[in-house]
C-alpha atoms as a PDB file:
ATOM      1  CA  MET A   1      13.127   1.384  -9.818  1.00  0.00           C
ATOM      2  CA  ASN A   2      12.592  -2.173  -8.633  1.00  0.00           C
ATOM      3  CA  TRP A   3      10.203  -2.116  -5.659  1.00  0.00           C
ATOM      4  CA  GLN A   4      10.582  -5.539  -4.922  1.00  0.00           C
ATOM      5  CA  THR A   5      14.416  -5.115  -4.402  1.00  0.00           C
ATOM      6  CA  PHE A   6      13.956  -2.090  -2.456  1.00  0.00           C
ATOM      7  CA  PHE A   7      11.465  -3.473   0.100  1.00  0.00           C
ATOM      8  CA  ARG A   8      12.907  -7.241   0.005  1.00  0.00           C
ATOM      9  CA  ASP A   9      14.118  -6.982   3.859  1.00  0.00           C
ATOM     10  CA  VAL A  10      10.697  -5.752   5.133  1.00  0.00           C
ATOM     11  CA  ALA A  11       9.156  -8.474   7.113  1.00  0.00           C
ATOM     12  CA  ASP A  12       5.433  -9.361   6.381  1.00  0.00           C
ATOM     13  CA  PHE A  13       3.571  -9.525   9.522  1.00  0.00           C
ATOM     14  CA  HIS A  14       0.109 -10.108   7.985  1.00  0.00           C
ATOM     15  CA  ILE A  15      -1.956 -13.034   9.206  1.00  0.00           C
ATOM     16  CA  ASN A  16      -2.177 -15.309   6.148  1.00  0.00           C
ATOM     17  CA  ARG A  17      -5.814 -16.136   6.635  1.00  0.00           C
ATOM     18  CA  ARG A  18      -6.737 -12.376   6.448  1.00  0.00           C
ATOM     19  CA  LYS A  19      -4.382 -11.370   3.935  1.00  0.00           C
ATOM     20  CA  ARG A  20      -5.946  -9.778   0.741  1.00  0.00           C
ATOM     21  CA  HIS A  21      -3.591  -7.144  -0.224  1.00  0.00           C
ATOM     22  CA  ASN A  22      -0.054  -7.465  -1.078  1.00  0.00           C
ATOM     23  CA  LEU A  23       2.568  -5.809   1.333  1.00  0.00           C
ATOM     24  CA  LEU A  24       4.448  -4.509  -1.553  1.00  0.00           C
ATOM     25  CA  ASN A  25       1.244  -2.929  -2.817  1.00  0.00           C
ATOM     26  CA  ILE A  26       0.669  -1.346   0.637  1.00  0.00           C
ATOM     27  CA  LEU A  27       4.292  -0.082   0.852  1.00  0.00           C
ATOM     28  CA  VAL A  28       4.402   1.334  -2.521  1.00  0.00           C
ATOM     29  CA  ILE A  29       1.025   3.097  -2.310  1.00  0.00           C
ATOM     30  CA  SER A  30       2.034   4.483   1.202  1.00  0.00           C
ATOM     31  CA  VAL A  31       5.532   5.902  -0.267  1.00  0.00           C
ATOM     32  CA  CYS A  32       3.794   7.628  -3.198  1.00  0.00           C
ATOM     33  CA  ALA A  33       1.025   8.965  -0.919  1.00  0.00           C
ATOM     34  CA  PHE A  34       3.673  10.353   1.565  1.00  0.00           C
ATOM     35  CA  VAL A  35       5.720  12.011  -1.364  1.00  0.00           C
ATOM     36  CA  CYS A  36       2.278  13.556  -2.486  1.00  0.00           C
ATOM     37  CA  GLY A  37       1.816  15.137   1.078  1.00  0.00           C
ATOM     38  CA  THR A  38      -0.685  12.823   2.728  1.00  0.00           C
ATOM     39  CA  ASP A  39      -0.825  13.169   6.616  1.00  0.00           C
ATOM     40  CA  ASP A  40      -2.507  10.170   7.713  1.00  0.00           C
ATOM     41  CA  PHE A  41      -3.953   6.765   6.883  1.00  0.00           C
ATOM     42  CA  GLU A  42      -7.351   8.146   5.573  1.00  0.00           C
ATOM     43  CA  ASP A  43      -5.428  10.347   3.216  1.00  0.00           C
ATOM     44  CA  THR A  44      -3.365   7.555   2.004  1.00  0.00           C
ATOM     45  CA  ALA A  45      -6.427   5.499   1.219  1.00  0.00           C
ATOM     46  CA  LEU A  46      -7.958   8.377  -0.555  1.00  0.00           C
ATOM     47  CA  TYR A  47      -4.837   9.030  -2.498  1.00  0.00           C
ATOM     48  CA  GLY A  48      -4.887   5.323  -3.523  1.00  0.00           C
ATOM     49  CA  THR A  49      -8.462   5.529  -4.748  1.00  0.00           C
ATOM     50  CA  GLN A  50      -7.989   8.813  -6.704  1.00  0.00           C
ATOM     51  CA  LYS A  51      -4.712   7.539  -8.364  1.00  0.00           C
ATOM     52  CA  GLU A  52      -5.916   3.756  -8.895  1.00  0.00           C
ATOM     53  CA  PRO A  53      -5.658   4.003 -12.608  1.00  0.00           C
ATOM     54  CA  PHE A  54      -2.062   5.285 -12.436  1.00  0.00           C
ATOM     55  CA  LEU A  55      -0.990   2.837  -9.595  1.00  0.00           C
ATOM     56  CA  ARG A  56      -2.405  -0.026 -11.748  1.00  0.00           C
ATOM     57  CA  THR A  57       0.120   0.800 -14.459  1.00  0.00           C
ATOM     58  CA  PHE A  58       2.808  -0.901 -12.334  1.00  0.00           C
ATOM     59  CA  LEU A  59       0.979  -2.741  -9.549  1.00  0.00           C
ATOM     60  CA  GLU A  60      -1.195  -5.569  -9.587  1.00  0.00           C
ATOM     61  CA  LEU A  61      -4.328  -4.694  -7.436  1.00  0.00           C
ATOM     62  CA  PRO A  62      -6.793  -7.577  -7.680  1.00  0.00           C
ATOM     63  CA  TYR A  63      -8.652  -6.380  -4.618  1.00  0.00           C
ATOM     64  CA  GLY A  64      -8.385  -2.655  -5.531  1.00  0.00           C
ATOM     65  CA  ILE A  65      -6.876  -0.219  -2.905  1.00  0.00           C
ATOM     66  CA  PRO A  66      -6.661  -1.025   0.740  1.00  0.00           C
ATOM     67  CA  SER A  67      -8.708   0.763   3.347  1.00  0.00           C
ATOM     68  CA  HIS A  68      -7.373   3.138   5.700  1.00  0.00           C
ATOM     69  CA  GLY A  69      -7.729   0.645   8.270  1.00  0.00           C
ATOM     70  CA  THR A  70      -5.490  -1.766   6.452  1.00  0.00           C
ATOM     71  CA  PHE A  71      -2.876   0.762   6.086  1.00  0.00           C
ATOM     72  CA  ASN A  72      -3.167   1.609   9.862  1.00  0.00           C
ATOM     73  CA  ARG A  73      -2.885  -2.067  10.724  1.00  0.00           C
ATOM     74  CA  VAL A  74       0.248  -2.920   8.424  1.00  0.00           C
ATOM     75  CA  LEU A  75       2.185   0.127   8.997  1.00  0.00           C
ATOM     76  CA  ASN A  76       1.624   0.245  12.670  1.00  0.00           C
ATOM     77  CA  PHE A  77       3.376  -3.130  13.297  1.00  0.00           C
END
């Protein structure tokens, strides 16, 4: 699956001066975490941390896994 094609129409509302994590990475990690049964943003961040080696096989994560606060801010736009 080409994640960029799948999420191409999702608007990025990040403030550029504060943006560290790529929107695509946040969305892909969120989808993977949801499929694995996470219930909230804390679980999503924990999933990302525990699966980081796997996620790095297909995502560039120069700043690591976003925090639960980042998932919250981005996904509650």
